[in-house]
C-alpha cells in the first residue's frame, strides 16, 4: 500500500511539473509572438535576425508544450491506474 501511495505522489508531482511546463511554454510563445507583432524601430537586418530568433522561440515553446502534454497524459494515466489498484485492494482489506 505504501508503494501505491508513493506512485500517487509521483504522478501528482509529474502533473504539477507538466502544468508548470505548459505555462512556461505558453508564456514564452506569447512573449515571442508579441515581439513579432510589435517590431522595434531597428534596422532591417537586426530586426530580421530578431524575428528569426522569435520564430525559433515559438517553435521551441511548441515542442515544450507538446512534451509537457505527454508528461501530463502519462501522469494522469498513472493516477488512474493507482486509484484503480487502490480500489481493488480496499475490497480485499
N, C-alpha and C. Protein backbone atom coordinates (compact mmCIF):
# COMPACT_ATOMS: atom_id res chain seq x y z
N UNK A 1 0.82 -1.19 0.00
CA UNK A 1 0.00 0.00 0.00
C UNK A 1 0.87 1.25 0.00
N UNK A 2 2.02 1.21 0.70
CA UNK A 2 2.92 2.34 0.74
C UNK A 2 3.46 2.65 -0.65
N UNK A 3 3.75 1.60 -1.41
CA UNK A 3 4.24 1.80 -2.78
C UNK A 3 3.16 2.45 -3.63
N UNK A 4 1.92 2.10 -3.43
CA UNK A 4 0.81 2.68 -4.17
C UNK A 4 0.69 4.18 -3.86
N UNK A 5 0.84 4.53 -2.57
CA UNK A 5 0.78 5.94 -2.19
C UNK A 5 1.94 6.71 -2.79
N UNK A 6 3.10 6.09 -2.84
CA UNK A 6 4.27 6.72 -3.44
C UNK A 6 4.03 6.98 -4.93
N UNK A 7 3.37 6.03 -5.59
CA UNK A 7 3.05 6.18 -7.01
C UNK A 7 2.09 7.35 -7.22
N UNK A 8 1.12 7.48 -6.33
CA UNK A 8 0.17 8.61 -6.43
C UNK A 8 0.89 9.94 -6.26
N UNK A 9 1.82 10.01 -5.30
CA UNK A 9 2.58 11.25 -5.09
C UNK A 9 3.45 11.57 -6.29
N UNK A 10 4.08 10.55 -6.86
CA UNK A 10 4.93 10.75 -8.03
C UNK A 10 4.12 11.25 -9.22
N UNK A 11 2.94 10.67 -9.42
CA UNK A 11 2.12 11.12 -10.55
C UNK A 11 1.58 12.52 -10.30
N UNK A 12 1.29 12.85 -9.05
CA UNK A 12 0.84 14.20 -8.71
C UNK A 12 1.95 15.21 -8.98
N UNK A 13 3.18 14.87 -8.59
CA UNK A 13 4.32 15.75 -8.86
C UNK A 13 4.52 15.92 -10.36
N UNK A 14 4.37 14.84 -11.11
CA UNK A 14 4.52 14.91 -12.57
C UNK A 14 3.43 15.78 -13.18
N UNK A 15 2.20 15.66 -12.68
CA UNK A 15 1.11 16.51 -13.17
C UNK A 15 1.42 17.98 -12.92
N UNK A 16 1.86 18.29 -11.71
CA UNK A 16 2.20 19.67 -11.38
C UNK A 16 3.34 20.20 -12.24
N UNK A 17 4.37 19.39 -12.44
CA UNK A 17 5.50 19.80 -13.26
C UNK A 17 5.09 20.02 -14.70
N UNK A 18 4.23 19.14 -15.22
CA UNK A 18 3.82 19.29 -16.61
C UNK A 18 2.96 20.54 -16.79
N UNK A 19 2.13 20.85 -15.82
CA UNK A 19 1.32 22.08 -15.90
C UNK A 19 2.24 23.30 -15.88
N UNK A 20 3.24 23.30 -14.99
CA UNK A 20 4.19 24.42 -14.96
C UNK A 20 4.93 24.52 -16.29
N UNK A 21 5.31 23.39 -16.87
CA UNK A 21 5.99 23.40 -18.17
C UNK A 21 5.11 23.97 -19.26
N UNK A 22 3.83 23.60 -19.25
CA UNK A 22 2.90 24.15 -20.24
C UNK A 22 2.73 25.65 -20.07
N UNK A 23 2.66 26.10 -18.82
CA UNK A 23 2.51 27.54 -18.56
C UNK A 23 3.76 28.30 -19.03
N UNK A 24 4.94 27.75 -18.77
CA UNK A 24 6.17 28.41 -19.20
C UNK A 24 6.25 28.44 -20.72
N UNK A 25 5.85 27.37 -21.38
CA UNK A 25 5.86 27.33 -22.84
C UNK A 25 4.88 28.34 -23.41
N UNK A 26 3.70 28.42 -22.80
CA UNK A 26 2.70 29.40 -23.24
C UNK A 26 3.23 30.82 -23.10
N UNK A 27 3.87 31.11 -21.97
CA UNK A 27 4.40 32.45 -21.74
C UNK A 27 5.52 32.79 -22.72
N UNK A 28 6.39 31.82 -22.99
CA UNK A 28 7.50 32.05 -23.92
C UNK A 28 6.97 32.30 -25.33
N UNK A 29 5.98 31.52 -25.75
CA UNK A 29 5.40 31.71 -27.08
C UNK A 29 4.69 33.06 -27.17
N UNK A 30 3.99 33.43 -26.14
CA UNK A 30 3.27 34.71 -26.14
C UNK A 30 4.24 35.88 -26.21
N UNK A 31 5.34 35.78 -25.47
CA UNK A 31 6.33 36.86 -25.49
C UNK A 31 6.96 36.99 -26.88
N UNK A 32 7.31 35.87 -27.49
CA UNK A 32 7.90 35.90 -28.83
C UNK A 32 6.89 36.42 -29.85
N UNK A 33 5.65 35.99 -29.74
CA UNK A 33 4.61 36.46 -30.67
C UNK A 33 4.40 37.96 -30.51
N UNK A 34 4.44 38.46 -29.30
CA UNK A 34 4.29 39.89 -29.05
C UNK A 34 5.44 40.67 -29.68
N UNK A 35 6.65 40.14 -29.57
CA UNK A 35 7.80 40.81 -30.19
C UNK A 35 7.67 40.84 -31.71
N UNK A 36 7.14 39.76 -32.28
CA UNK A 36 6.94 39.72 -33.73
C UNK A 36 5.85 40.71 -34.15
N UNK A 37 4.78 40.77 -33.36
CA UNK A 37 3.64 41.63 -33.71
C UNK A 37 3.94 43.11 -33.54
N UNK A 38 4.86 43.45 -32.66
CA UNK A 38 5.20 44.86 -32.42
C UNK A 38 6.70 45.05 -32.63
N UNK A 39 7.13 45.14 -33.89
CA UNK A 39 8.57 45.27 -34.15
C UNK A 39 9.11 46.60 -33.62
N UNK A 40 10.33 46.55 -33.17
CA UNK A 40 11.01 47.73 -32.66
C UNK A 40 11.50 48.58 -33.84
N UNK A 41 11.83 49.80 -33.57
CA UNK A 41 12.38 50.65 -34.63
C UNK A 41 13.88 50.39 -34.72
N UNK A 42 14.22 49.33 -35.43
CA UNK A 42 15.61 48.93 -35.62
C UNK A 42 15.88 48.83 -37.11
N UNK A 43 17.13 48.71 -37.44
CA UNK A 43 17.48 48.49 -38.83
C UNK A 43 16.93 47.17 -39.32
N UNK A 44 16.66 47.04 -40.63
CA UNK A 44 16.03 45.82 -41.16
C UNK A 44 16.85 44.55 -40.93
N UNK A 45 18.17 44.63 -40.98
CA UNK A 45 18.97 43.42 -40.78
C UNK A 45 18.85 42.91 -39.35
N UNK A 46 18.93 43.81 -38.39
CA UNK A 46 18.81 43.42 -36.99
C UNK A 46 17.41 42.91 -36.69
N UNK A 47 16.39 43.57 -37.23
CA UNK A 47 15.01 43.15 -36.97
C UNK A 47 14.74 41.78 -37.58
N UNK A 48 15.27 41.51 -38.78
CA UNK A 48 15.09 40.20 -39.40
C UNK A 48 15.74 39.10 -38.56
N UNK A 49 16.92 39.38 -38.03
CA UNK A 49 17.60 38.39 -37.19
C UNK A 49 16.80 38.16 -35.91
N UNK A 50 16.27 39.23 -35.31
CA UNK A 50 15.46 39.10 -34.10
C UNK A 50 14.17 38.33 -34.40
N UNK A 51 13.57 38.60 -35.56
CA UNK A 51 12.34 37.89 -35.93
C UNK A 51 12.59 36.40 -36.10
N UNK A 52 13.73 36.06 -36.69
CA UNK A 52 14.07 34.65 -36.84
C UNK A 52 14.23 34.01 -35.47
N UNK A 53 14.88 34.69 -34.56
CA UNK A 53 15.05 34.17 -33.20
C UNK A 53 13.69 33.99 -32.54
N UNK A 54 12.78 34.94 -32.75
CA UNK A 54 11.44 34.85 -32.17
C UNK A 54 10.67 33.67 -32.73
N UNK A 55 10.80 33.43 -34.03
CA UNK A 55 10.13 32.27 -34.65
C UNK A 55 10.70 30.97 -34.07
N UNK A 56 12.01 30.94 -33.89
CA UNK A 56 12.62 29.75 -33.27
C UNK A 56 12.15 29.58 -31.83
N UNK A 57 11.99 30.69 -31.11
CA UNK A 57 11.49 30.62 -29.73
C UNK A 57 10.07 30.05 -29.70
N UNK A 58 9.23 30.45 -30.66
CA UNK A 58 7.87 29.92 -30.72
C UNK A 58 7.90 28.43 -31.02
N UNK A 59 8.78 28.02 -31.93
CA UNK A 59 8.91 26.60 -32.26
C UNK A 59 9.36 25.80 -31.03
N UNK A 60 10.34 26.34 -30.31
CA UNK A 60 10.82 25.67 -29.10
C UNK A 60 9.72 25.60 -28.05
N UNK A 61 8.95 26.66 -27.90
CA UNK A 61 7.85 26.66 -26.94
C UNK A 61 6.80 25.63 -27.32
N UNK A 62 6.56 25.47 -28.62
CA UNK A 62 5.61 24.47 -29.10
C UNK A 62 6.07 23.06 -28.72
N UNK A 63 7.35 22.80 -28.92
CA UNK A 63 7.90 21.48 -28.55
C UNK A 63 7.81 21.27 -27.04
N UNK A 64 8.08 22.31 -26.28
CA UNK A 64 7.96 22.21 -24.83
C UNK A 64 6.54 21.92 -24.39
N UNK A 65 5.60 22.56 -25.07
CA UNK A 65 4.18 22.33 -24.76
C UNK A 65 3.81 20.88 -25.07
N UNK A 66 4.26 20.39 -26.22
CA UNK A 66 3.97 19.00 -26.60
C UNK A 66 4.57 18.02 -25.58
N UNK A 67 5.81 18.26 -25.18
CA UNK A 67 6.45 17.37 -24.21
C UNK A 67 5.72 17.39 -22.88
N UNK A 68 5.34 18.57 -22.43
CA UNK A 68 4.61 18.68 -21.17
C UNK A 68 3.25 18.01 -21.25
N UNK A 69 2.61 18.10 -22.40
CA UNK A 69 1.30 17.45 -22.57
C UNK A 69 1.44 15.93 -22.51
N UNK A 70 2.52 15.40 -23.06
CA UNK A 70 2.75 13.95 -22.98
C UNK A 70 2.98 13.54 -21.53
N UNK A 71 3.79 14.30 -20.81
CA UNK A 71 4.03 14.00 -19.39
C UNK A 71 2.71 14.05 -18.62
N UNK A 72 1.90 15.06 -18.89
CA UNK A 72 0.61 15.19 -18.22
C UNK A 72 -0.27 13.97 -18.48
N UNK A 73 -0.33 13.55 -19.74
CA UNK A 73 -1.17 12.40 -20.11
C UNK A 73 -0.70 11.13 -19.42
N UNK A 74 0.60 10.89 -19.42
CA UNK A 74 1.14 9.69 -18.77
C UNK A 74 0.90 9.74 -17.26
N UNK A 75 1.11 10.90 -16.65
CA UNK A 75 0.89 11.03 -15.21
C UNK A 75 -0.59 10.82 -14.85
N UNK A 76 -1.48 11.33 -15.69
CA UNK A 76 -2.91 11.13 -15.45
C UNK A 76 -3.26 9.64 -15.55
N UNK A 77 -2.68 8.97 -16.53
CA UNK A 77 -2.90 7.52 -16.66
C UNK A 77 -2.37 6.78 -15.44
N UNK A 78 -1.20 7.18 -14.96
CA UNK A 78 -0.63 6.55 -13.77
C UNK A 78 -1.54 6.74 -12.56
N UNK A 79 -2.09 7.93 -12.43
CA UNK A 79 -3.01 8.20 -11.31
C UNK A 79 -4.25 7.33 -11.40
N UNK A 80 -4.80 7.22 -12.60
CA UNK A 80 -5.98 6.38 -12.80
C UNK A 80 -5.70 4.92 -12.43
N UNK A 81 -4.56 4.43 -12.87
CA UNK A 81 -4.20 3.04 -12.57
C UNK A 81 -3.99 2.85 -11.08
N UNK A 82 -3.30 3.79 -10.43
CA UNK A 82 -3.06 3.68 -9.00
C UNK A 82 -4.38 3.70 -8.22
N UNK A 83 -5.29 4.57 -8.62
CA UNK A 83 -6.59 4.62 -7.94
C UNK A 83 -7.38 3.33 -8.17
N UNK A 84 -7.29 2.78 -9.35
CA UNK A 84 -7.97 1.53 -9.65
C UNK A 84 -7.40 0.38 -8.81
N UNK A 85 -6.10 0.34 -8.71
CA UNK A 85 -5.46 -0.71 -7.88
C UNK A 85 -5.86 -0.52 -6.42
N UNK A 86 -5.85 0.75 -5.97
CA UNK A 86 -6.23 1.02 -4.58
C UNK A 86 -7.65 0.58 -4.28
N UNK A 87 -8.56 0.83 -5.21
CA UNK A 87 -9.95 0.42 -5.02
C UNK A 87 -10.07 -1.09 -4.94
N UNK A 88 -9.30 -1.79 -5.76
CA UNK A 88 -9.33 -3.26 -5.72
C UNK A 88 -8.75 -3.80 -4.43
N UNK A 89 -7.69 -3.16 -3.94
CA UNK A 89 -7.08 -3.60 -2.68
C UNK A 89 -8.03 -3.36 -1.51
N UNK A 90 -8.79 -2.27 -1.56
CA UNK A 90 -9.74 -1.97 -0.49
C UNK A 90 -10.82 -3.05 -0.39
N UNK A 91 -11.17 -3.63 -1.51
CA UNK A 91 -12.18 -4.69 -1.49
C UNK A 91 -11.72 -5.93 -0.75
N UNK A 92 -10.38 -6.15 -0.77
CA UNK A 92 -9.82 -7.35 -0.11
C UNK A 92 -9.43 -7.07 1.34
N UNK A 93 -9.43 -5.82 1.74
CA UNK A 93 -8.98 -5.48 3.09
C UNK A 93 -10.06 -5.72 4.13
